[in-house]
Amino acid sequence: MIGFVLKSVSLLVAIWGMWSMLNRIKNGQLYTEETSQRAVVVAYAVLGWLVGNGIEGMGNNFLAHRLGLNDQWSGGLLTNTSVMVLVFLLLAMLYVLQGSIRQAIELQEEVDDLV
């Protein structure tokens, strides 16, 4: 149950963070520290979802063992490598996005100091 709750909360945080970040970008606030921080929040929420998924899988395996189910437990989403590749690509994109936003902020401050 803890894994499911962690997955659900992480997913809600990720959705809120992406929605908020994209609204800020739409309003022309791409190069701000707050937009960069929201990208980091979304990345941590995705990592939280991965951890929750792992905990949920361990709970399912524990219960299957306690009930004496000897069949191979269906591994769920963590064994699906195509989904894992997409999750790690999302994490990499968010990391690159927040890094590029921070570099753009520094360049913008340097240009403002020159003028």
PDB file of N, CA and C in Angstrom:
ATOM      1  N   MET A   1       0.822  -1.193   0.000  1.00  0.00           N
ATOM      2  CA  MET A   1       0.000   0.000   0.000  1.00  0.00           C
ATOM      3  C   MET A   1       0.868   1.259   0.000  1.00  0.00           C
ATOM      4  N   ILE A   2       2.004   1.196   0.719  1.00  0.00           N
ATOM      5  CA  ILE A   2       2.893   2.361   0.772  1.00  0.00           C
ATOM      6  C   ILE A   2       3.445   2.667  -0.619  1.00  0.00           C
ATOM      7  N   GLY A   3       3.791   1.614  -1.357  1.00  0.00           N
ATOM      8  CA  GLY A   3       4.307   1.810  -2.706  1.00  0.00           C
ATOM      9  C   GLY A   3       3.294   2.465  -3.614  1.00  0.00           C
ATOM     10  N   PHE A   4       2.029   2.050  -3.507  1.00  0.00           N
ATOM     11  CA  PHE A   4       0.971   2.635  -4.335  1.00  0.00           C
ATOM     12  C   PHE A   4       0.758   4.100  -3.986  1.00  0.00           C
ATOM     13  N   VAL A   5       0.758   4.410  -2.684  1.00  0.00           N
ATOM     14  CA  VAL A   5       0.580   5.805  -2.260  1.00  0.00           C
ATOM     15  C   VAL A   5       1.754   6.658  -2.744  1.00  0.00           C
ATOM     16  N   LEU A   6       2.976   6.139  -2.604  1.00  0.00           N
ATOM     17  CA  LEU A   6       4.152   6.873  -3.061  1.00  0.00           C
ATOM     18  C   LEU A   6       4.105   7.100  -4.572  1.00  0.00           C
ATOM     19  N   LYS A   7       3.703   6.077  -5.317  1.00  0.00           N
ATOM     20  CA  LYS A   7       3.564   6.227  -6.773  1.00  0.00           C
ATOM     21  C   LYS A   7       2.521   7.281  -7.117  1.00  0.00           C
ATOM     22  N   SER A   8       1.389   7.245  -6.434  1.00  0.00           N
ATOM     23  CA  SER A   8       0.307   8.180  -6.732  1.00  0.00           C
ATOM     24  C   SER A   8       0.698   9.617  -6.415  1.00  0.00           C
ATOM     25  N   VAL A   9       1.284   9.825  -5.242  1.00  0.00           N
ATOM     26  CA  VAL A   9       1.696  11.177  -4.862  1.00  0.00           C
ATOM     27  C   VAL A   9       2.789  11.686  -5.795  1.00  0.00           C
ATOM     28  N   SER A  10       3.746  10.833  -6.124  1.00  0.00           N
ATOM     29  CA  SER A  10       4.820  11.236  -7.031  1.00  0.00           C
ATOM     30  C   SER A  10       4.275  11.599  -8.406  1.00  0.00           C
ATOM     31  N   LEU A  11       3.312  10.830  -8.869  1.00  0.00           N
ATOM     32  CA  LEU A  11       2.719  11.120 -10.174  1.00  0.00           C
ATOM     33  C   LEU A  11       1.976  12.450 -10.151  1.00  0.00           C
ATOM     34  N   LEU A  12       1.247  12.716  -9.083  1.00  0.00           N
ATOM     35  CA  LEU A  12       0.542  13.999  -8.971  1.00  0.00           C
ATOM     36  C   LEU A  12       1.519  15.167  -8.912  1.00  0.00           C
ATOM     37  N   VAL A  13       2.615  15.005  -8.169  1.00  0.00           N
ATOM     38  CA  VAL A  13       3.631  16.063  -8.093  1.00  0.00           C
ATOM     39  C   VAL A  13       4.277  16.281  -9.457  1.00  0.00           C
ATOM     40  N   ALA A  14       4.562  15.197 -10.173  1.00  0.00           N
ATOM     41  CA  ALA A  14       5.171  15.319 -11.507  1.00  0.00           C
ATOM     42  C   ALA A  14       4.233  16.024 -12.476  1.00  0.00           C
ATOM     43  N   ILE A  15       2.949  15.679 -12.429  1.00  0.00           N
ATOM     44  CA  ILE A  15       1.980  16.319 -13.324  1.00  0.00           C
ATOM     45  C   ILE A  15       1.859  17.802 -12.990  1.00  0.00           C
ATOM     46  N   TRP A  16       1.748  18.120 -11.679  1.00  0.00           N
ATOM     47  CA  TRP A  16       1.656  19.513 -11.291  1.00  0.00           C
ATOM     48  C   TRP A  16       2.913  20.278 -11.708  1.00  0.00           C
ATOM     49  N   GLY A  17       4.087  19.679 -11.471  1.00  0.00           N
ATOM     50  CA  GLY A  17       5.333  20.350 -11.813  1.00  0.00           C
ATOM     51  C   GLY A  17       5.473  20.611 -13.303  1.00  0.00           C
ATOM     52  N   MET A  18       5.126  19.621 -14.125  1.00  0.00           N
ATOM     53  CA  MET A  18       5.210  19.811 -15.578  1.00  0.00           C
ATOM     54  C   MET A  18       4.212  20.865 -16.045  1.00  0.00           C
ATOM     55  N   TRP A  19       2.990  20.813 -15.514  1.00  0.00           N
ATOM     56  CA  TRP A  19       1.971  21.788 -15.892  1.00  0.00           C
ATOM     57  C   TRP A  19       2.427  23.193 -15.530  1.00  0.00           C
ATOM     58  N   SER A  20       2.932  23.346 -14.316  1.00  0.00           N
ATOM     59  CA  SER A  20       3.393  24.647 -13.844  1.00  0.00           C
ATOM     60  C   SER A  20       4.589  25.138 -14.654  1.00  0.00           C
ATOM     61  N   MET A  21       5.539  24.236 -14.916  1.00  0.00           N
ATOM     62  CA  MET A  21       6.722  24.608 -15.680  1.00  0.00           C
ATOM     63  C   MET A  21       6.355  25.008 -17.107  1.00  0.00           C
ATOM     64  N   LEU A  22       5.471  24.258 -17.738  1.00  0.00           N
ATOM     65  CA  LEU A  22       5.080  24.582 -19.109  1.00  0.00           C
ATOM     66  C   LEU A  22       4.276  25.877 -19.179  1.00  0.00           C
ATOM     67  N   ASN A  23       3.463  26.153 -18.159  1.00  0.00           N
ATOM     68  CA  ASN A  23       2.757  27.436 -18.129  1.00  0.00           C
ATOM     69  C   ASN A  23       3.721  28.600 -17.989  1.00  0.00           C
ATOM     70  N   ARG A  24       4.763  28.433 -17.176  1.00  0.00           N
ATOM     71  CA  ARG A  24       5.764  29.487 -17.039  1.00  0.00           C
ATOM     72  C   ARG A  24       6.501  29.704 -18.364  1.00  0.00           C
ATOM     73  N   ILE A  25       6.820  28.612 -19.045  1.00  0.00           N
ATOM     74  CA  ILE A  25       7.505  28.736 -20.340  1.00  0.00           C
ATOM     75  C   ILE A  25       6.592  29.409 -21.357  1.00  0.00           C
ATOM     76  N   LYS A  26       5.309  29.051 -21.343  1.00  0.00           N
ATOM     77  CA  LYS A  26       4.342  29.649 -22.262  1.00  0.00           C
ATOM     78  C   LYS A  26       4.211  31.155 -22.023  1.00  0.00           C
ATOM     79  N   ASN A  27       4.349  31.575 -20.773  1.00  0.00           N
ATOM     80  CA  ASN A  27       4.242  32.994 -20.428  1.00  0.00           C
ATOM     81  C   ASN A  27       5.552  33.742 -20.607  1.00  0.00           C
ATOM     82  N   GLY A  28       6.545  33.097 -21.210  1.00  0.00           N
ATOM     83  CA  GLY A  28       7.814  33.756 -21.499  1.00  0.00           C
ATOM     84  C   GLY A  28       8.787  33.780 -20.334  1.00  0.00           C
ATOM     85  N   GLN A  29       8.596  32.918 -19.363  1.00  0.00           N
ATOM     86  CA  GLN A  29       9.472  32.893 -18.198  1.00  0.00           C
ATOM     87  C   GLN A  29      10.355  31.646 -18.221  1.00  0.00           C
ATOM     88  N   LEU A  30      10.957  31.371 -19.363  1.00  0.00           N
ATOM     89  CA  LEU A  30      11.796  30.186 -19.492  1.00  0.00           C
ATOM     90  C   LEU A  30      13.093  30.336 -18.705  1.00  0.00           C
ATOM     91  N   TYR A  31      13.702  31.498 -18.806  1.00  0.00           N
ATOM     92  CA  TYR A  31      15.028  31.687 -18.216  1.00  0.00           C
ATOM     93  C   TYR A  31      14.922  32.276 -16.815  1.00  0.00           C
ATOM     94  N   THR A  32      14.270  31.548 -15.936  1.00  0.00           N
ATOM     95  CA  THR A  32      14.191  31.964 -14.544  1.00  0.00           C
ATOM     96  C   THR A  32      14.627  30.801 -13.658  1.00  0.00           C
ATOM     97  N   GLU A  33      15.069  31.139 -12.471  1.00  0.00           N
ATOM     98  CA  GLU A  33      15.513  30.119 -11.522  1.00  0.00           C
ATOM     99  C   GLU A  33      14.339  29.232 -11.098  1.00  0.00           C
ATOM    100  N   GLU A  34      13.153  29.817 -11.008  1.00  0.00           N
ATOM    101  CA  GLU A  34      11.983  29.050 -10.590  1.00  0.00           C
ATOM    102  C   GLU A  34      11.629  27.963 -11.609  1.00  0.00           C
ATOM    103  N   THR A  35      11.759  28.257 -12.889  1.00  0.00           N
ATOM    104  CA  THR A  35      11.501  27.248 -13.913  1.00  0.00           C
ATOM    105  C   THR A  35      12.514  26.115 -13.810  1.00  0.00           C
ATOM    106  N   SER A  36      13.757  26.465 -13.549  1.00  0.00           N
ATOM    107  CA  SER A  36      14.789  25.450 -13.370  1.00  0.00           C
ATOM    108  C   SER A  36      14.497  24.575 -12.155  1.00  0.00           C
ATOM    109  N   GLN A  37      14.043  25.176 -11.074  1.00  0.00           N
ATOM    110  CA  GLN A  37      13.722  24.414  -9.874  1.00  0.00           C
ATOM    111  C   GLN A  37      12.533  23.486 -10.107  1.00  0.00           C
ATOM    112  N   ARG A  38      11.583  23.917 -10.907  1.00  0.00           N
ATOM    113  CA  ARG A  38      10.435  23.054 -11.195  1.00  0.00           C
ATOM    114  C   ARG A  38      10.846  21.834 -12.015  1.00  0.00           C
ATOM    115  N   ALA A  39      11.821  21.991 -12.897  1.00  0.00           N
ATOM    116  CA  ALA A  39      12.332  20.839 -13.642  1.00  0.00           C
ATOM    117  C   ALA A  39      12.978  19.833 -12.693  1.00  0.00           C
ATOM    118  N   VAL A  40      13.671  20.332 -11.677  1.00  0.00           N
ATOM    119  CA  VAL A  40      14.292  19.450 -10.687  1.00  0.00           C
ATOM    120  C   VAL A  40      13.217  18.741  -9.865  1.00  0.00           C
ATOM    121  N   VAL A  41      12.150  19.445  -9.500  1.00  0.00           N
ATOM    122  CA  VAL A  41      11.047  18.838  -8.734  1.00  0.00           C
ATOM    123  C   VAL A  41      10.412  17.710  -9.535  1.00  0.00           C
ATOM    124  N   VAL A  42      10.205  17.925 -10.822  1.00  0.00           N
ATOM    125  CA  VAL A  42       9.615  16.881 -11.669  1.00  0.00           C
ATOM    126  C   VAL A  42      10.551  15.673 -11.750  1.00  0.00           C
ATOM    127  N   ALA A  43      11.842  15.923 -11.862  1.00  0.00           N
ATOM    128  CA  ALA A  43      12.801  14.810 -11.925  1.00  0.00           C
ATOM    129  C   ALA A  43      12.768  13.999 -10.637  1.00  0.00           C
ATOM    130  N   TYR A  44      12.726  14.675  -9.488  1.00  0.00           N
ATOM    131  CA  TYR A  44      12.652  13.953  -8.214  1.00  0.00           C
ATOM    132  C   TYR A  44      11.324  13.207  -8.075  1.00  0.00           C
ATOM    133  N   ALA A  45      10.247  13.781  -8.598  1.00  0.00           N
ATOM    134  CA  ALA A  45       8.959  13.095  -8.540  1.00  0.00           C
ATOM    135  C   ALA A  45       8.988  11.818  -9.384  1.00  0.00           C
ATOM    136  N   VAL A  46       9.642  11.865 -10.530  1.00  0.00           N
ATOM    137  CA  VAL A  46       9.766  10.666 -11.362  1.00  0.00           C
ATOM    138  C   VAL A  46      10.604   9.609 -10.647  1.00  0.00           C
ATOM    139  N   LEU A  47      11.669  10.038  -9.974  1.00  0.00           N
ATOM    140  CA  LEU A  47      12.460   9.089  -9.190  1.00  0.00           C
ATOM    141  C   LEU A  47      11.630   8.502  -8.047  1.00  0.00           C
ATOM    142  N   GLY A  48      10.798   9.328  -7.422  1.00  0.00           N
ATOM    143  CA  GLY A  48       9.902   8.836  -6.374  1.00  0.00           C
ATOM    144  C   GLY A  48       8.926   7.812  -6.908  1.00  0.00           C
ATOM    145  N   TRP A  49       8.452   8.027  -8.126  1.00  0.00           N
ATOM    146  CA  TRP A  49       7.543   7.064  -8.749  1.00  0.00           C
ATOM    147  C   TRP A  49       8.258   5.727  -8.963  1.00  0.00           C
ATOM    148  N   LEU A  50       9.527   5.797  -9.407  1.00  0.00           N
ATOM    149  CA  LEU A  50      10.291   4.567  -9.604  1.00  0.00           C
ATOM    150  C   LEU A  50      10.478   3.810  -8.293  1.00  0.00           C
ATOM    151  N   VAL A  51      10.794   4.539  -7.223  1.00  0.00           N
ATOM    152  CA  VAL A  51      10.964   3.901  -5.920  1.00  0.00           C
ATOM    153  C   VAL A  51       9.640   3.293  -5.448  1.00  0.00           C
ATOM    154  N   GLY A  52       8.547   4.036  -5.606  1.00  0.00           N
ATOM    155  CA  GLY A  52       7.233   3.512  -5.226  1.00  0.00           C
ATOM    156  C   GLY A  52       6.861   2.281  -6.012  1.00  0.00           C
ATOM    157  N   ASN A  53       7.210   2.257  -7.274  1.00  0.00           N
ATOM    158  CA  ASN A  53       6.929   1.088  -8.105  1.00  0.00           C
ATOM    159  C   ASN A  53       7.723  -0.120  -7.620  1.00  0.00           C
ATOM    160  N   GLY A  54       8.967   0.111  -7.222  1.00  0.00           N
ATOM    161  CA  GLY A  54       9.781  -0.984  -6.687  1.00  0.00           C
ATOM    162  C   GLY A  54       9.233  -1.513  -5.376  1.00  0.00           C
ATOM    163  N   ILE A  55       8.812  -0.604  -4.485  1.00  0.00           N
ATOM    164  CA  ILE A  55       8.241  -1.020  -3.206  1.00  0.00           C
ATOM    165  C   ILE A  55       6.945  -1.792  -3.424  1.00  0.00           C
ATOM    166  N   GLU A  56       6.140  -1.324  -4.354  1.00  0.00           N
ATOM    167  CA  GLU A  56       4.884  -2.027  -4.652  1.00  0.00           C
ATOM    168  C   GLU A  56       5.164  -3.432  -5.192  1.00  0.00           C
ATOM    169  N   GLY A  57       6.160  -3.553  -6.051  1.00  0.00           N
ATOM    170  CA  GLY A  57       6.524  -4.868  -6.579  1.00  0.00           C
ATOM    171  C   GLY A  57       7.028  -5.805  -5.495  1.00  0.00           C
ATOM    172  N   MET A  58       7.824  -5.264  -4.554  1.00  0.00           N
ATOM    173  CA  MET A  58       8.293  -6.099  -3.449  1.00  0.00           C
ATOM    174  C   MET A  58       7.131  -6.553  -2.577  1.00  0.00           C
ATOM    175  N   GLY A  59       6.159  -5.656  -2.342  1.00  0.00           N
ATOM    176  CA  GLY A  59       4.982  -6.028  -1.557  1.00  0.00           C
ATOM    177  C   GLY A  59       4.155  -7.098  -2.248  1.00  0.00           C
ATOM    178  N   ASN A  60       4.012  -6.974  -3.545  1.00  0.00           N
ATOM    179  CA  ASN A  60       3.275  -7.991  -4.308  1.00  0.00           C
ATOM    180  C   ASN A  60       3.974  -9.341  -4.241  1.00  0.00           C
ATOM    181  N   ASN A  61       5.291  -9.334  -4.371  1.00  0.00           N
ATOM    182  CA  ASN A  61       6.042 -10.588  -4.283  1.00  0.00           C
ATOM    183  C   ASN A  61       5.951 -11.201  -2.885  1.00  0.00           C
ATOM    184  N   PHE A  62       6.023 -10.358  -1.848  1.00  0.00           N
ATOM    185  CA  PHE A  62       5.916 -10.846  -0.480  1.00  0.00           C
ATOM    186  C   PHE A  62       4.560 -11.496  -0.246  1.00  0.00           C
ATOM    187  N   LEU A  63       3.487 -10.831  -0.695  1.00  0.00           N
ATOM    188  CA  LEU A  63       2.150 -11.375  -0.506  1.00  0.00           C
ATOM    189  C   LEU A  63       1.966 -12.663  -1.310  1.00  0.00           C
ATOM    190  N   ALA A  64       2.481 -12.714  -2.534  1.00  0.00           N
ATOM    191  CA  ALA A  64       2.373 -13.929  -3.331  1.00  0.00           C
ATOM    192  C   ALA A  64       3.087 -15.086  -2.645  1.00  0.00           C
ATOM    193  N   HIS A  65       4.239 -14.810  -2.044  1.00  0.00           N
ATOM    194  CA  HIS A  65       4.967 -15.849  -1.327  1.00  0.00           C
ATOM    195  C   HIS A  65       4.187 -16.304  -0.093  1.00  0.00           C
ATOM    196  N   ARG A  66       3.625 -15.365   0.651  1.00  0.00           N
ATOM    197  CA  ARG A  66       2.860 -15.706   1.854  1.00  0.00           C
ATOM    198  C   ARG A  66       1.613 -16.514   1.525  1.00  0.00           C
ATOM    199  N   LEU A  67       1.023 -16.259   0.352  1.00  0.00           N
ATOM    200  CA  LEU A  67      -0.165 -16.995  -0.059  1.00  0.00           C
ATOM    201  C   LEU A  67       0.177 -18.325  -0.716  1.00  0.00           C
ATOM    202  N   GLY A  68       1.456 -18.586  -0.910  1.00  0.00           N
ATOM    203  CA  GLY A  68       1.895 -19.849  -1.480  1.00  0.00           C
ATOM    204  C   GLY A  68       1.746 -19.925  -2.981  1.00  0.00           C
ATOM    205  N   LEU A  69       1.730 -18.791  -3.619  1.00  0.00           N
ATOM    206  CA  LEU A  69       1.657 -18.789  -5.079  1.00  0.00           C
ATOM    207  C   LEU A  69       3.057 -19.027  -5.621  1.00  0.00           C
ATOM    208  N   ASN A  70       3.246 -20.163  -6.252  1.00  0.00           N
ATOM    209  CA  ASN A  70       4.574 -20.524  -6.741  1.00  0.00           C
ATOM    210  C   ASN A  70       4.818 -20.070  -8.168  1.00  0.00           C
ATOM    211  N   ASP A  71       3.773 -19.566  -8.803  1.00  0.00           N
ATOM    212  CA  ASP A  71       3.943 -19.097 -10.171  1.00  0.00           C
ATOM    213  C   ASP A  71       4.827 -17.859 -10.191  1.00  0.00           C
ATOM    214  N   GLN A  72       5.397 -17.623 -11.331  1.00  0.00           N
ATOM    215  CA  GLN A  72       6.222 -16.434 -11.519  1.00  0.00           C
ATOM    216  C   GLN A  72       5.311 -15.213 -11.410  1.00  0.00           C
ATOM    217  N   TRP A  73       5.627 -14.322 -10.480  1.00  0.00           N
ATOM    218  CA  TRP A  73       4.814 -13.113 -10.318  1.00  0.00           C
ATOM    219  C   TRP A  73       5.068 -12.200 -11.497  1.00  0.00           C
ATOM    220  N   SER A  74       3.995 -11.670 -12.076  1.00  0.00           N
ATOM    221  CA  SER A  74       4.187 -10.766 -13.211  1.00  0.00           C
ATOM    222  C   SER A  74       4.875  -9.517 -12.686  1.00  0.00           C
ATOM    223  N   GLY A  75       6.033  -9.226 -13.251  1.00  0.00           N
ATOM    224  CA  GLY A  75       6.901  -8.185 -12.729  1.00  0.00           C
ATOM    225  C   GLY A  75       6.371  -6.780 -12.828  1.00  0.00           C
ATOM    226  N   GLY A  76       5.334  -6.558 -13.565  1.00  0.00           N
ATOM    227  CA  GLY A  76       4.788  -5.218 -13.646  1.00  0.00           C
ATOM    228  C   GLY A  76       5.630  -4.324 -14.525  1.00  0.00           C
ATOM    229  N   LEU A  77       5.674  -3.073 -14.180  1.00  0.00           N
ATOM    230  CA  LEU A  77       6.283  -2.075 -15.041  1.00  0.00           C
ATOM    231  C   LEU A  77       7.806  -2.052 -14.957  1.00  0.00           C
ATOM    232  N   LEU A  78       8.368  -2.453 -13.829  1.00  0.00           N
ATOM    233  CA  LEU A  78       9.819  -2.361 -13.704  1.00  0.00           C
ATOM    234  C   LEU A  78      10.565  -3.341 -14.600  1.00  0.00           C
ATOM    235  N   THR A  79       9.911  -4.402 -15.038  1.00  0.00           N
ATOM    236  CA  THR A  79      10.594  -5.336 -15.922  1.00  0.00           C
ATOM    237  C   THR A  79      10.425  -4.960 -17.387  1.00  0.00           C
ATOM    238  N   ASN A  80       9.549  -4.017 -17.668  1.00  0.00           N
ATOM    239  CA  ASN A  80       9.333  -3.586 -19.037  1.00  0.00           C
ATOM    240  C   ASN A  80      10.436  -2.580 -19.395  1.00  0.00           C
ATOM    241  N   THR A  81      11.403  -3.022 -20.167  1.00  0.00           N
ATOM    242  CA  THR A  81      12.570  -2.185 -20.439  1.00  0.00           C
ATOM    243  C   THR A  81      12.239  -0.982 -21.309  1.00  0.00           C
ATOM    244  N   SER A  82      11.249  -1.097 -22.179  1.00  0.00           N
ATOM    245  CA  SER A  82      10.912   0.059 -23.020  1.00  0.00           C
ATOM    246  C   SER A  82      10.379   1.205 -22.175  1.00  0.00           C
ATOM    247  N   VAL A  83       9.606   0.896 -21.139  1.00  0.00           N
ATOM    248  CA  VAL A  83       9.108   1.945 -20.250  1.00  0.00           C
ATOM    249  C   VAL A  83      10.254   2.535 -19.442  1.00  0.00           C
ATOM    250  N   MET A  84      11.180   1.690 -18.994  1.00  0.00           N
ATOM    251  CA  MET A  84      12.309   2.188 -18.217  1.00  0.00           C
ATOM    252  C   MET A  84      13.194   3.106 -19.061  1.00  0.00           C
ATOM    253  N   VAL A  85      13.361   2.774 -20.324  1.00  0.00           N
ATOM    254  CA  VAL A  85      14.153   3.633 -21.201  1.00  0.00           C
ATOM    255  C   VAL A  85      13.482   5.000 -21.325  1.00  0.00           C
ATOM    256  N   LEU A  86      12.170   5.023 -21.470  1.00  0.00           N
ATOM    257  CA  LEU A  86      11.461   6.297 -21.575  1.00  0.00           C
ATOM    258  C   LEU A  86      11.564   7.108 -20.285  1.00  0.00           C
ATOM    259  N   VAL A  87      11.488   6.443 -19.151  1.00  0.00           N
ATOM    260  CA  VAL A  87      11.609   7.150 -17.870  1.00  0.00           C
ATOM    261  C   VAL A  87      13.001   7.752 -17.726  1.00  0.00           C
ATOM    262  N   PHE A  88      14.029   7.004 -18.051  1.00  0.00           N
ATOM    263  CA  PHE A  88      15.385   7.533 -17.934  1.00  0.00           C
ATOM    264  C   PHE A  88      15.658   8.623 -18.971  1.00  0.00           C
ATOM    265  N   LEU A  89      15.048   8.528 -20.156  1.00  0.00           N
ATOM    266  CA  LEU A  89      15.169   9.613 -21.127  1.00  0.00           C
ATOM    267  C   LEU A  89      14.498  10.883 -20.611  1.00  0.00           C
ATOM    268  N   LEU A  90      13.345  10.736 -19.951  1.00  0.00           N
ATOM    269  CA  LEU A  90      12.676  11.890 -19.356  1.00  0.00           C
ATOM    270  C   LEU A  90      13.552  12.527 -18.284  1.00  0.00           C
ATOM    271  N   LEU A  91      14.161  11.701 -17.438  1.00  0.00           N
ATOM    272  CA  LEU A  91      15.050  12.228 -16.412  1.00  0.00           C
ATOM    273  C   LEU A  91      16.237  12.960 -17.030  1.00  0.00           C
ATOM    274  N   ALA A  92      16.807  12.388 -18.077  1.00  0.00           N
ATOM    275  CA  ALA A  92      17.952  13.027 -18.735  1.00  0.00           C
ATOM    276  C   ALA A  92      17.540  14.353 -19.374  1.00  0.00           C
ATOM    277  N   MET A  93      16.377  14.379 -20.009  1.00  0.00           N
ATOM    278  CA  MET A  93      15.901  15.623 -20.625  1.00  0.00           C
ATOM    279  C   MET A  93      15.667  16.700 -19.572  1.00  0.00           C
ATOM    280  N   LEU A  94      15.089  16.325 -18.434  1.00  0.00           N
ATOM    281  CA  LEU A  94      14.854  17.305 -17.375  1.00  0.00           C
ATOM    282  C   LEU A  94      16.169  17.828 -16.805  1.00  0.00           C
ATOM    283  N   TYR A  95      17.154  16.949 -16.671  1.00  0.00           N
ATOM    284  CA  TYR A  95      18.457  17.366 -16.167  1.00  0.00           C
ATOM    285  C   TYR A  95      19.125  18.347 -17.135  1.00  0.00           C
ATOM    286  N   VAL A  96      19.078  18.034 -18.426  1.00  0.00           N
ATOM    287  CA  VAL A  96      19.672  18.920 -19.429  1.00  0.00           C
ATOM    288  C   VAL A  96      18.910  20.243 -19.490  1.00  0.00           C
ATOM    289  N   LEU A  97      17.577  20.188 -19.377  1.00  0.00           N
ATOM    290  CA  LEU A  97      16.773  21.409 -19.413  1.00  0.00           C
ATOM    291  C   LEU A  97      17.114  22.331 -18.258  1.00  0.00           C
ATOM    292  N   GLN A  98      17.174  21.786 -17.043  1.00  0.00           N
ATOM    293  CA  GLN A  98      17.476  22.659 -15.913  1.00  0.00           C
ATOM    294  C   GLN A  98      18.902  23.181 -15.992  1.00  0.00           C
ATOM    295  N   GLY A  99      19.831  22.380 -16.516  1.00  0.00           N
ATOM    296  CA  GLY A  99      21.204  22.861 -16.682  1.00  0.00           C
ATOM    297  C   GLY A  99      21.299  23.980 -17.707  1.00  0.00           C
ATOM    298  N   SER A 100      20.589  23.830 -18.812  1.00  0.00           N
ATOM    299  CA  SER A 100      20.633  24.871 -19.844  1.00  0.00           C
ATOM    300  C   SER A 100      19.940  26.142 -19.379  1.00  0.00           C
ATOM    301  N   ILE A 101      18.876  26.005 -18.591  1.00  0.00           N
ATOM    302  CA  ILE A 101      18.216  27.196 -18.058  1.00  0.00           C
ATOM    303  C   ILE A 101      19.146  27.932 -17.106  1.00  0.00           C
ATOM    304  N   ARG A 102      19.844  27.199 -16.257  1.00  0.00           N
ATOM    305  CA  ARG A 102      20.779  27.854 -15.322  1.00  0.00           C
ATOM    306  C   ARG A 102      21.920  28.541 -16.066  1.00  0.00           C
ATOM    307  N   GLN A 103      22.433  27.915 -17.128  1.00  0.00           N
ATOM    308  CA  GLN A 103      23.489  28.557 -17.911  1.00  0.00           C
ATOM    309  C   GLN A 103      22.964  29.807 -18.602  1.00  0.00           C
ATOM    310  N   ALA A 104      21.741  29.749 -19.104  1.00  0.00           N
ATOM    311  CA  ALA A 104      21.149  30.913 -19.764  1.00  0.00           C
ATOM    312  C   ALA A 104      20.941  32.054 -18.775  1.00  0.00           C
ATOM    313  N   ILE A 105      20.568  31.718 -17.542  1.00  0.00           N
ATOM    314  CA  ILE A 105      20.403  32.748 -16.515  1.00  0.00           C
ATOM    315  C   ILE A 105      21.731  33.438 -16.244  1.00  0.00           C
ATOM    316  N   GLU A 106      22.808  32.630 -16.127  1.00  0.00           N
ATOM    317  CA  GLU A 106      24.131  33.211 -15.883  1.00  0.00           C
ATOM    318  C   GLU A 106      24.566  34.107 -17.048  1.00  0.00           C
ATOM    319  N   LEU A 107      24.331  33.659 -18.281  1.00  0.00           N
ATOM    320  CA  LEU A 107      24.691  34.474 -19.448  1.00  0.00           C
ATOM    321  C   LEU A 107      23.871  35.755 -19.494  1.00  0.00           C
ATOM    322  N   GLN A 108      22.603  35.660 -19.150  1.00  0.00           N
ATOM    323  CA  GLN A 108      21.748  36.843 -19.151  1.00  0.00           C
ATOM    324  C   GLN A 108      22.223  37.854 -18.102  1.00  0.00           C
ATOM    325  N   GLU A 109      22.650  37.369 -16.942  1.00  0.00           N
ATOM    326  CA  GLU A 109      23.174  38.268 -15.904  1.00  0.00           C
ATOM    327  C   GLU A 109      24.473  38.905 -16.349  1.00  0.00           C
ATOM    328  N   GLU A 110      25.335  38.157 -17.061  1.00  0.00           N
ATOM    329  CA  GLU A 110      26.576  38.733 -17.570  1.00  0.00           C
ATOM    330  C   GLU A 110      26.302  39.818 -18.604  1.00  0.00           C
ATOM    331  N   VAL A 111      25.326  39.566 -19.479  1.00  0.00           N
ATOM    332  CA  VAL A 111      24.979  40.572 -20.485  1.00  0.00           C
ATOM    333  C   VAL A 111      24.383  41.804 -19.820  1.00  0.00           C
ATOM    334  N   ASP A 112      23.565  41.624 -18.810  1.00  0.00           N
ATOM    335  CA  ASP A 112      22.989  42.749 -18.107  1.00  0.00           C
ATOM    336  C   ASP A 112      24.064  43.575 -17.404  1.00  0.00           C
ATOM    337  N   ASP A 113      25.111  42.911 -16.918  1.00  0.00           N
ATOM    338  CA  ASP A 113      26.201  43.630 -16.262  1.00  0.00           C
ATOM    339  C   ASP A 113      27.024  44.427 -17.268  1.00  0.00           C
ATOM    340  N   LEU A 114      27.117  43.951 -18.506  1.00  0.00           N
ATOM    341  CA  LEU A 114      27.882  44.658 -19.540  1.00  0.00           C
ATOM    342  C   LEU A 114      27.160  45.902 -20.019  1.00  0.00           C
ATOM    343  N   VAL A 115      25.855  45.863 -19.990  1.00  0.00           N
ATOM    344  CA  VAL A 115      25.075  46.988 -20.534  1.00  0.00           C
ATOM    345  C   VAL A 115      24.889  48.076 -19.518  1.00  0.00           C
TER     346      VAL A 115
END
